[in-house]
Amino acid sequence: MSIQVDYLIVGSGAMGMAFADVLLNETDATMAIVDRHDRPGGHWNDAYPFVRLHQPSAFYGVNSRSLGNDTVDQVGWNKGLFELASGTEVIAYFDQVMREQLLPSGRVHYFPNTEYADNGHLSSRITGAPIDISATTVVDATYMNVTVPSMKKPDYAIAPGVQYVPVNGLPQAASPEMSYVVVGAGKTGMDACLWLLRNNVTPARISWIMPRDSWMLDRANIQPGILAGRAASVFAAQLKIAAESTSLKDLFDKVGESGQLLRLTDDIEPTMYRCATVTTDELEQLRRIDNVIRMGRVESLAPGLIKLEKGEVPVDEKNTLFVDCTADGLERRPVCNVFDSGKITLQSVRTCQQVFSAAFIAHIEVAFNDIAEKNQLCTPVPHPDNHIDFLRTTLANTINGAAWSAHPDLQRWLSESRLDGFSLAGGEAPKPNPEMLKVAMSAMEKLSAYISEAESAQVSA
């Protein structure tokens, strides 16, 4: 069997599905979607069982279909904020999108359990049989390379006899006699600590290895609907702080004091920023953990001993469970053009908003013809890693937003996009405010200067 389609989408994860959904609803294009997994959802198929979105469900999924019921949580550490879909809900949602929307259209072919090789060849992972698909455009929806702990071995050595699990195995391995060492300070490590605390493990039985402290986002500032105006005001406040700042330290001090960025302790200046999102209640829970080990990355685990970059830490040899949370879920990937001849490479065009970015890129593919203009409107914003990347992403978001505001039709599309949530209702770009424009220009100059200063310091070091 040979299939000819307009688009071959490699990957049925969140980005691939969001891209396909826009094409389905805004064009009459034909598509083939291939994926190594048995069902849509990408890395969600491999995620830990207690995983939830860190952002509201309203900002996730595909443009044409709501995820969840847009309800506000009444209990728990997310109380008062919009619901967060569980991993199970996300998987079921993408399966429904595929079965109830994409496939019934008659314009989408779906090939699960399929391997896509660099040379363009496709083959079944079950039988090995080749699959013949030719397409005008290939869409790489796997480039962001999302990895979760169950998908890779840790980078550190683990000696025989060590009780160790990736975070996926924590619920099964937990037991009354155990103490726990959570390895990894990112979003997954936070989730593991919160799961233990939620299950009434006393903080004294939890150790948290934290190579770098992290700046975190307050989830209350990232909410849909009526609260979207708060997000806009927070971003405006960030620009004002940047414009009025006198140094890089002064900028972060003021952003932290304003509550726009949160940190575990005021005693330590964070050097990591990965878009981790928490509520103030969750942060208070994390602060209950006193044994935070700040001695660099783990080099090896042995029965009764942790070897780190800056020293060694003894632990109970028999009753310690190590929980690995170190996979680089949001890897900082090299930037490349989104649009190329016969190829589209999906990347974030708004910081840490991957599914919105994929839908946006699909709309740009539909609405614009010139490849240079498409790439200018879809300038990638790489995933952040360190605190200087907070400046880079703020600057990049500002530049992209300014480019988008020059197109009234694009503003209307953004205002109607379920995945956006931050644009003004009605689709009209805000009228130019001379004072705000002055602040934005000054902020961009300061941000650029701080970034250059930090890069020069890094080179000198």
Protein backbone atom coordinates (compact mmCIF):
# COMPACT_ATOMS: atom_id res chain seq x y z
CA MET A 1 0.00 0.00 0.00
CA SER A 2 1.29 3.43 -0.93
CA ILE A 3 -0.16 6.62 0.60
CA GLN A 4 0.25 10.15 -0.73
CA VAL A 5 -0.50 12.99 1.71
CA ASP A 6 0.13 16.68 2.04
CA TYR A 7 1.75 16.38 5.48
CA LEU A 8 3.59 13.56 7.20
CA ILE A 9 3.59 14.37 10.93
CA VAL A 10 6.26 12.46 12.84
CA GLY A 11 5.07 12.16 16.43
CA SER A 12 1.58 12.04 17.94
CA GLY A 13 2.56 13.73 21.17
CA ALA A 14 0.99 16.99 22.32
CA MET A 15 2.76 19.12 19.71
CA GLY A 16 2.01 16.82 16.79
CA MET A 17 -1.65 16.57 17.77
CA ALA A 18 -2.01 20.34 18.24
CA PHE A 19 -0.47 20.94 14.81
CA ALA A 20 -2.71 18.35 13.11
CA ASP A 21 -5.82 19.78 14.76
CA VAL A 22 -5.27 23.24 13.28
CA LEU A 23 -4.61 21.81 9.81
CA LEU A 24 -7.76 19.73 10.08
CA ASN A 25 -9.92 22.72 10.99
CA GLU A 26 -8.34 25.41 8.82
CA THR A 27 -7.51 23.51 5.60
CA ASP A 28 -8.59 20.54 3.52
CA ALA A 29 -5.11 19.02 3.74
CA THR A 30 -4.46 15.30 4.06
CA MET A 31 -2.15 13.97 6.75
CA ALA A 32 -0.39 10.85 7.95
CA ILE A 33 0.63 10.71 11.62
CA VAL A 34 3.26 8.19 12.68
CA ASP A 35 4.50 7.43 16.19
CA ARG A 36 6.58 4.84 18.04
CA HIS A 37 3.96 4.56 20.78
CA ASP A 38 0.87 2.40 20.70
CA ARG A 39 -1.43 5.38 21.25
CA PRO A 40 -1.31 9.18 20.97
CA GLY A 41 0.15 11.28 23.75
CA GLY A 42 3.90 10.99 23.29
CA HIS A 43 5.88 11.09 26.55
CA TRP A 44 2.64 11.02 28.58
CA ASN A 45 2.58 7.30 27.82
CA ASP A 46 5.85 6.95 29.77
CA ALA A 47 5.23 9.43 32.59
CA TYR A 48 4.95 8.60 36.30
CA PRO A 49 1.47 7.60 37.53
CA PHE A 50 0.86 10.65 39.75
CA VAL A 51 1.92 13.23 37.15
CA ARG A 52 -0.34 16.21 36.52
CA LEU A 53 -0.06 19.26 34.35
CA HIS A 54 1.80 22.12 36.00
CA GLN A 55 -0.34 24.61 34.07
CA PRO A 56 -4.15 24.77 33.87
CA SER A 57 -5.83 22.21 31.62
CA ALA A 58 -7.37 25.14 29.74
CA PHE A 59 -3.97 25.85 28.14
CA TYR A 60 -3.25 22.27 27.04
CA GLY A 61 -4.35 19.85 24.34
CA VAL A 62 -5.64 20.92 20.92
CA ASN A 63 -7.31 24.15 19.92
CA SER A 64 -10.67 22.71 18.93
CA ARG A 65 -11.44 20.65 22.04
CA SER A 66 -11.39 21.54 25.73
CA LEU A 67 -9.38 19.44 28.14
CA GLY A 68 -11.33 19.05 31.37
CA ASN A 69 -14.32 21.13 32.42
CA ASP A 70 -12.67 24.47 33.19
CA THR A 71 -13.46 23.94 36.85
CA VAL A 72 -11.69 25.54 39.79
CA ASP A 73 -10.21 23.17 42.37
CA GLN A 74 -12.02 23.35 45.71
CA VAL A 75 -9.57 21.29 47.76
CA GLY A 76 -5.86 20.53 47.85
CA TRP A 77 -2.76 22.61 47.24
CA ASN A 78 -4.16 23.96 43.96
CA LYS A 79 -7.32 25.21 45.70
CA GLY A 80 -8.85 28.30 44.12
CA LEU A 81 -7.08 27.81 40.79
CA PHE A 82 -8.13 26.10 37.58
CA GLU A 83 -7.92 22.32 37.38
CA LEU A 84 -4.78 20.40 36.40
CA ALA A 85 -5.37 17.31 34.26
CA SER A 86 -3.80 14.04 35.40
CA GLY A 87 -1.62 12.01 33.08
CA THR A 88 -4.43 9.49 32.67
CA GLU A 89 -6.81 12.26 31.63
CA VAL A 90 -4.32 13.61 29.10
CA ILE A 91 -3.81 10.21 27.50
CA ALA A 92 -7.58 9.59 27.27
CA TYR A 93 -8.07 13.08 25.83
CA PHE A 94 -5.58 12.62 22.99
CA ASP A 95 -7.03 9.20 22.22
CA GLN A 96 -10.47 10.81 21.91
CA VAL A 97 -9.12 13.56 19.66
CA MET A 98 -7.63 10.93 17.38
CA ARG A 99 -10.66 8.61 17.32
CA GLU A 100 -13.45 11.18 17.39
CA GLN A 101 -12.02 14.05 15.35
CA LEU A 102 -8.94 13.30 13.27
CA LEU A 103 -9.68 9.82 11.92
CA PRO A 104 -13.41 10.34 11.19
CA SER A 105 -12.46 13.26 8.92
CA GLY A 106 -11.21 10.79 6.32
CA ARG A 107 -8.19 13.05 5.76
CA VAL A 108 -5.94 11.59 8.46
CA HIS A 109 -4.07 8.28 8.41
CA TYR A 110 -2.65 7.12 11.75
CA PHE A 111 0.25 4.69 12.10
CA PRO A 112 1.07 3.83 15.73
CA ASN A 113 3.95 1.50 16.59
CA THR A 114 5.85 2.90 13.62
CA GLU A 115 9.52 3.77 13.38
CA TYR A 116 10.62 6.81 11.37
CA ALA A 117 14.25 6.70 10.25
CA ASP A 118 16.44 9.71 9.44
CA ASN A 119 16.45 8.68 5.79
CA GLY A 120 12.67 9.01 5.68
CA HIS A 121 11.93 5.28 5.70
CA LEU A 122 9.06 4.05 7.85
CA SER A 123 8.57 0.57 9.23
CA SER A 124 6.28 -1.23 11.65
CA ARG A 125 7.83 -1.79 15.07
CA ILE A 126 5.67 -4.90 15.36
CA THR A 127 6.36 -6.70 12.08
CA GLY A 128 9.27 -4.76 10.62
CA ALA A 129 7.33 -4.32 7.38
CA PRO A 130 8.06 -1.10 5.46
CA ILE A 131 5.34 1.55 5.19
CA ASP A 132 5.21 3.58 2.00
CA ILE A 133 4.13 7.17 2.64
CA SER A 134 5.07 10.11 0.45
CA ALA A 135 4.33 13.66 1.54
CA THR A 136 4.79 17.19 0.29
CA THR A 137 5.87 18.37 3.75
CA VAL A 138 7.36 16.45 6.68
CA VAL A 139 6.56 17.85 10.12
CA ASP A 140 9.01 16.89 12.86
CA ALA A 141 6.99 16.90 16.08
CA THR A 142 9.73 15.05 18.01
CA TYR A 143 12.52 17.63 17.82
CA MET A 144 11.96 18.95 21.35
CA ASN A 145 12.99 15.48 22.60
CA VAL A 146 10.94 15.35 25.79
CA THR A 147 12.43 12.71 28.10
CA VAL A 148 11.06 11.33 31.37
CA PRO A 149 12.96 9.18 33.92
CA SER A 150 11.44 5.89 32.76
CA MET A 151 12.95 6.45 29.30
CA LYS A 152 16.64 6.58 30.27
CA LYS A 153 19.16 5.40 32.79
CA PRO A 154 20.63 7.97 35.18
CA ASP A 155 23.97 9.56 34.29
CA TYR A 156 25.44 8.51 37.64
CA ALA A 157 26.71 5.06 38.66
CA ILE A 158 24.52 2.83 40.85
CA ALA A 159 26.28 0.05 42.77
CA PRO A 160 24.70 -3.36 43.41
CA GLY A 161 22.56 -3.43 46.52
CA VAL A 162 21.30 0.15 46.19
CA GLN A 163 17.52 0.45 46.46
CA TYR A 164 16.72 2.69 43.52
CA VAL A 165 13.68 3.41 41.33
CA PRO A 166 12.88 5.92 38.62
CA VAL A 167 10.08 8.17 39.85
CA ASN A 168 7.57 5.93 38.00
CA GLY A 169 8.25 3.18 40.53
CA LEU A 170 7.85 5.29 43.67
CA PRO A 171 4.24 4.32 44.53
CA GLN A 172 5.05 0.61 44.30
CA ALA A 173 8.37 0.81 46.15
CA ALA A 174 7.26 3.04 49.02
CA SER A 175 6.98 1.32 52.40
CA PRO A 176 6.62 2.28 56.09
CA GLU A 177 10.25 1.63 57.01
CA MET A 178 11.78 3.62 54.17
CA SER A 179 13.47 6.98 54.10
CA TYR A 180 13.67 8.66 50.71
CA VAL A 181 16.35 10.49 48.74
CA VAL A 182 14.88 12.42 45.81
CA VAL A 183 17.54 12.98 43.15
CA GLY A 184 16.77 16.01 40.98
CA ALA A 185 15.55 19.53 41.69
CA GLY A 186 13.37 20.17 38.62
CA LYS A 187 9.63 19.84 38.18
CA THR A 188 9.74 16.04 38.50
CA GLY A 189 11.74 16.23 41.72
CA MET A 190 9.21 18.70 43.12
CA ASP A 191 6.38 16.35 42.16
CA ALA A 192 8.10 13.41 43.90
CA CYS A 193 8.58 15.42 47.10
CA LEU A 194 4.98 16.64 47.03
CA TRP A 195 3.71 13.08 46.44
CA LEU A 196 5.59 11.87 49.52
CA LEU A 197 4.30 14.76 51.63
CA ARG A 198 0.75 14.28 50.33
CA ASN A 199 0.98 10.67 51.47
CA ASN A 200 1.96 11.80 54.97
CA VAL A 201 5.63 10.87 54.82
CA THR A 202 7.23 13.03 57.49
CA PRO A 203 9.68 15.63 56.12
CA ALA A 204 12.44 14.17 58.32
CA ARG A 205 12.35 11.01 56.18
CA ILE A 206 12.89 12.95 52.94
CA SER A 207 16.24 14.14 51.62
CA TRP A 208 16.31 16.23 48.46
CA ILE A 209 19.43 16.46 46.31
CA MET A 210 19.43 19.90 44.74
CA PRO A 211 22.43 20.68 42.51
CA ARG A 212 20.93 24.11 41.74
CA ASP A 213 18.19 26.12 43.40
CA SER A 214 15.42 27.14 41.03
CA TRP A 215 13.35 30.20 40.34
CA MET A 216 9.72 29.09 40.04
CA LEU A 217 6.59 30.62 38.56
CA ASP A 218 3.51 31.27 40.70
CA ARG A 219 0.64 29.34 39.11
CA ALA A 220 -1.82 31.98 40.31
CA ASN A 221 -0.34 34.29 37.66
CA ILE A 222 -0.97 31.76 34.87
CA GLN A 223 -4.72 31.31 34.79
CA PRO A 224 -7.34 31.47 32.01
CA GLY A 225 -10.45 33.55 31.57
CA ILE A 226 -10.90 36.51 33.88
CA LEU A 227 -7.52 35.89 35.48
CA ALA A 228 -5.73 36.20 32.12
CA GLY A 229 -5.58 39.96 32.69
CA ARG A 230 -3.44 39.22 35.73
CA ALA A 231 -0.91 37.42 33.53
CA ALA A 232 -0.75 40.44 31.22
CA SER A 233 -0.22 42.78 34.16
CA VAL A 234 2.50 40.50 35.57
CA PHE A 235 4.34 40.59 32.24
CA ALA A 236 4.01 44.38 32.12
CA ALA A 237 5.34 44.57 35.67
CA GLN A 238 8.32 42.43 34.68
CA LEU A 239 9.17 44.85 31.90
CA LYS A 240 8.85 47.80 34.28
CA ILE A 241 11.14 46.14 36.82
CA ALA A 242 13.68 45.40 34.09
CA ALA A 243 13.53 48.97 32.82
CA GLU A 244 14.06 50.43 36.28
CA SER A 245 16.66 47.89 37.47
CA THR A 246 20.23 48.98 38.17
CA SER A 247 21.91 45.58 37.91
CA LEU A 248 21.20 41.93 37.22
CA LYS A 249 21.00 41.20 40.96
CA ASP A 250 18.70 44.17 41.47
CA LEU A 251 16.39 42.87 38.74
CA PHE A 252 16.07 39.40 40.29
CA ASP A 253 15.72 40.82 43.80
CA LYS A 254 12.79 42.98 42.68
CA VAL A 255 11.15 40.23 40.60
CA GLY A 256 11.41 37.94 43.62
CA GLU A 257 10.10 40.58 46.05
CA SER A 258 7.11 41.20 43.78
CA GLY A 259 6.17 37.50 43.84
CA GLN A 260 6.49 37.12 40.08
CA LEU A 261 9.20 34.52 40.66
CA LEU A 262 9.35 32.27 43.71
CA ARG A 263 12.23 30.43 45.35
CA LEU A 264 12.62 27.76 47.99
CA THR A 265 14.59 29.93 50.39
CA ASP A 266 15.54 33.60 50.50
CA ASP A 267 19.01 32.65 51.71
CA ILE A 268 20.15 31.27 48.36
CA GLU A 269 20.15 33.01 44.99
CA PRO A 270 18.75 30.53 42.44
CA THR A 271 20.74 29.82 39.29
CA MET A 272 18.19 27.53 37.61
CA TYR A 273 15.03 28.48 35.74
CA ARG A 274 13.06 25.75 33.94
CA CYS A 275 9.50 27.18 34.00
CA ALA A 276 8.64 25.05 37.04
CA THR A 277 5.22 26.19 38.22
CA VAL A 278 3.92 25.89 41.79
CA THR A 279 1.28 27.35 44.04
CA THR A 280 2.27 29.13 47.22
CA ASP A 281 0.71 26.22 49.15
CA GLU A 282 2.90 23.72 47.30
CA LEU A 283 5.95 25.89 47.96
CA GLU A 284 5.15 25.96 51.68
CA GLN A 285 4.99 22.16 51.63
CA LEU A 286 8.36 21.88 49.89
CA ARG A 287 9.85 24.23 52.49
CA ARG A 288 9.01 21.65 55.17
CA ILE A 289 11.89 19.50 53.85
CA ASP A 290 14.93 20.54 55.89
CA ASN A 291 17.46 18.06 54.52
CA VAL A 292 18.19 19.68 51.16
CA ILE A 293 21.59 18.49 49.91
CA ARG A 294 23.36 21.22 47.94
CA MET A 295 26.65 19.55 47.03
CA GLY A 296 26.39 19.41 43.25
CA ARG A 297 25.27 16.54 41.07
CA VAL A 298 25.32 12.89 42.08
CA GLU A 299 28.35 11.00 40.81
CA SER A 300 27.51 7.59 42.25
CA LEU A 301 25.26 5.76 44.68
CA ALA A 302 26.51 2.92 46.87
CA PRO A 303 24.85 1.14 49.81
CA GLY A 304 24.98 3.67 52.62
CA LEU A 305 26.75 6.42 50.66
CA ILE A 306 26.02 9.18 48.16
CA LYS A 307 29.02 10.56 46.28
CA LEU A 308 28.46 14.05 44.89
CA GLU A 309 30.59 16.58 43.05
CA LYS A 310 31.40 18.40 46.30
CA GLY A 311 31.58 15.61 48.83
CA GLU A 312 29.95 12.51 50.26
CA VAL A 313 26.80 11.98 52.33
CA PRO A 314 26.17 8.82 54.39
CA VAL A 315 22.66 7.32 54.46
CA ASP A 316 20.96 4.33 56.04
CA GLU A 317 22.28 1.35 54.09
CA LYS A 318 19.19 -0.83 54.41
CA ASN A 319 16.21 1.52 54.55
CA THR A 320 16.95 4.21 51.99
CA LEU A 321 15.12 4.39 48.68
CA PHE A 322 16.65 6.59 45.97
CA VAL A 323 14.11 8.15 43.62
CA ASP A 324 15.57 9.28 40.30
CA CYS A 325 14.03 12.46 38.83
CA THR A 326 16.98 13.60 36.70
CA ALA A 327 15.78 13.11 33.10
CA ASP A 328 15.91 16.37 31.14
CA GLY A 329 12.20 16.66 30.44
CA LEU A 330 12.48 20.03 28.70
CA GLU A 331 15.82 19.79 26.99
CA ARG A 332 17.40 22.97 25.66
CA ARG A 333 17.62 22.14 21.96
CA PRO A 334 19.66 23.94 19.28
CA VAL A 335 17.57 26.49 17.42
CA CYS A 336 16.82 25.86 13.75
CA ASN A 337 14.40 27.38 11.28
CA VAL A 338 10.85 26.22 11.88
CA PHE A 339 10.09 26.36 8.16
CA ASP A 340 12.37 24.92 5.51
CA SER A 341 11.79 23.58 2.04
CA GLY A 342 9.53 20.54 2.47
CA LYS A 343 10.04 20.44 6.25
CA ILE A 344 8.58 21.99 9.38
CA THR A 345 10.39 21.55 12.71
CA LEU A 346 8.09 22.24 15.64
CA GLN A 347 9.65 24.32 18.43
CA SER A 348 8.45 26.66 21.14
CA VAL A 349 7.71 30.18 19.91
CA ARG A 350 6.51 31.27 23.35
CA THR A 351 8.53 30.17 26.33
CA CYS A 352 7.45 26.80 27.73
CA GLN A 353 4.16 26.85 25.78
CA GLN A 354 4.80 23.92 23.44
CA VAL A 355 1.25 23.01 22.43
CA PHE A 356 0.26 26.62 21.83
CA SER A 357 3.43 26.98 19.77
CA ALA A 358 2.59 23.95 17.61
CA ALA A 359 -0.93 25.24 16.94
CA PHE A 360 0.43 28.71 16.19
CA ILE A 361 2.99 27.31 13.73
CA ALA A 362 0.25 25.36 11.96
CA HIS A 363 -1.80 28.53 11.58
CA ILE A 364 1.20 30.43 10.22
CA GLU A 365 1.70 27.60 7.72
CA VAL A 366 -1.90 28.08 6.59
CA ALA A 367 -2.16 31.87 6.67
CA PHE A 368 1.20 33.00 5.23
CA ASN A 369 3.05 32.06 2.07
CA ASP A 370 6.51 33.62 2.25
CA ILE A 371 8.91 31.28 4.05
CA ALA A 372 11.06 34.14 5.35
CA GLU A 373 8.02 35.85 6.86
CA LYS A 374 6.87 32.55 8.37
CA ASN A 375 10.22 32.07 10.07
CA GLN A 376 10.27 35.67 11.28
CA LEU A 377 6.87 35.18 12.93
CA CYS A 378 7.93 31.81 14.34
CA THR A 379 11.28 32.68 15.87
CA PRO A 380 12.03 29.84 18.32
CA VAL A 381 12.25 30.54 22.05
CA PRO A 382 14.48 27.74 23.42
CA HIS A 383 13.56 26.07 26.68
CA PRO A 384 15.28 27.87 29.56
CA ASP A 385 17.83 26.21 31.80
CA ASN A 386 19.44 28.87 33.99
CA HIS A 387 18.43 32.19 35.53
CA ILE A 388 19.90 34.17 32.62
CA ASP A 389 17.49 32.29 30.36
CA PHE A 390 14.67 34.01 32.24
CA LEU A 391 15.98 37.22 30.68
CA ARG A 392 16.43 35.59 27.27
CA THR A 393 12.91 34.20 27.17
CA THR A 394 11.36 37.44 28.42
CA LEU A 395 13.19 39.32 25.68
CA ALA A 396 12.29 36.75 23.00
CA ASN A 397 8.62 36.70 24.01
CA THR A 398 8.52 40.49 23.81
CA ILE A 399 10.06 40.51 20.34
CA ASN A 400 7.74 37.78 19.04
CA GLY A 401 4.70 39.46 20.55
CA ALA A 402 5.59 42.73 18.84
CA ALA A 403 5.91 40.96 15.48
CA TRP A 404 2.53 39.26 15.92
CA SER A 405 0.80 42.51 16.89
CA ALA A 406 1.55 43.96 13.44
CA HIS A 407 -0.97 41.55 11.86
CA PRO A 408 -4.63 42.24 12.79
CA ASP A 409 -5.81 38.89 11.38
CA LEU A 410 -3.23 37.10 13.48
CA GLN A 411 -4.36 39.01 16.57
CA ARG A 412 -7.91 37.85 15.93
CA TRP A 413 -6.75 34.25 15.61
CA LEU A 414 -4.82 34.52 18.88
CA SER A 415 -7.82 35.94 20.70
CA GLU A 416 -9.94 33.00 19.57
CA SER A 417 -7.30 30.36 20.31
CA ARG A 418 -8.16 28.20 23.32
CA LEU A 419 -4.48 27.41 23.79
CA ASP A 420 -3.44 31.05 23.99
CA GLY A 421 -5.54 32.41 26.82
CA PHE A 422 -3.47 35.59 27.19
CA SER A 423 -4.63 37.68 24.21
CA LEU A 424 -7.28 40.36 24.51
CA ALA A 425 -10.85 39.30 23.83
CA GLY A 426 -12.14 40.56 20.52
CA GLY A 427 -8.88 40.13 18.70
CA GLU A 428 -7.84 43.76 18.68
CA ALA A 429 -4.25 44.56 19.45
CA PRO A 430 -3.96 47.04 22.33
CA LYS A 431 -3.67 50.64 21.28
CA PRO A 432 -0.09 51.89 21.50
CA ASN A 433 0.64 53.38 24.91
CA PRO A 434 3.59 55.76 24.52
CA GLU A 435 4.62 55.36 28.15
CA MET A 436 4.44 51.54 28.00
CA LEU A 437 6.33 51.51 24.70
CA LYS A 438 9.04 53.58 26.33
CA VAL A 439 9.19 51.15 29.25
CA ALA A 440 9.33 48.15 26.90
CA MET A 441 12.16 49.65 24.86
CA SER A 442 14.14 50.46 28.01
CA ALA A 443 13.48 46.96 29.38
CA MET A 444 14.67 45.32 26.18
CA GLU A 445 17.87 47.38 26.27
CA LYS A 446 18.52 46.42 29.88
CA LEU A 447 17.78 42.75 29.25
CA SER A 448 20.12 42.68 26.25
CA ALA A 449 22.86 44.35 28.28
CA TYR A 450 22.49 41.91 31.20
CA ILE A 451 22.56 38.94 28.86
CA SER A 452 25.74 40.21 27.18
CA GLU A 453 27.28 40.89 30.59
CA ALA A 454 26.49 37.36 31.78
CA GLU A 455 27.81 35.78 28.58
CA SER A 456 31.05 37.76 28.83
CA ALA A 457 31.49 36.71 32.44
CA GLN A 458 30.93 33.07 31.46
CA VAL A 459 33.57 33.29 28.71
CA SER A 460 36.06 34.92 31.11
CA ALA A 461 35.47 32.20 33.67
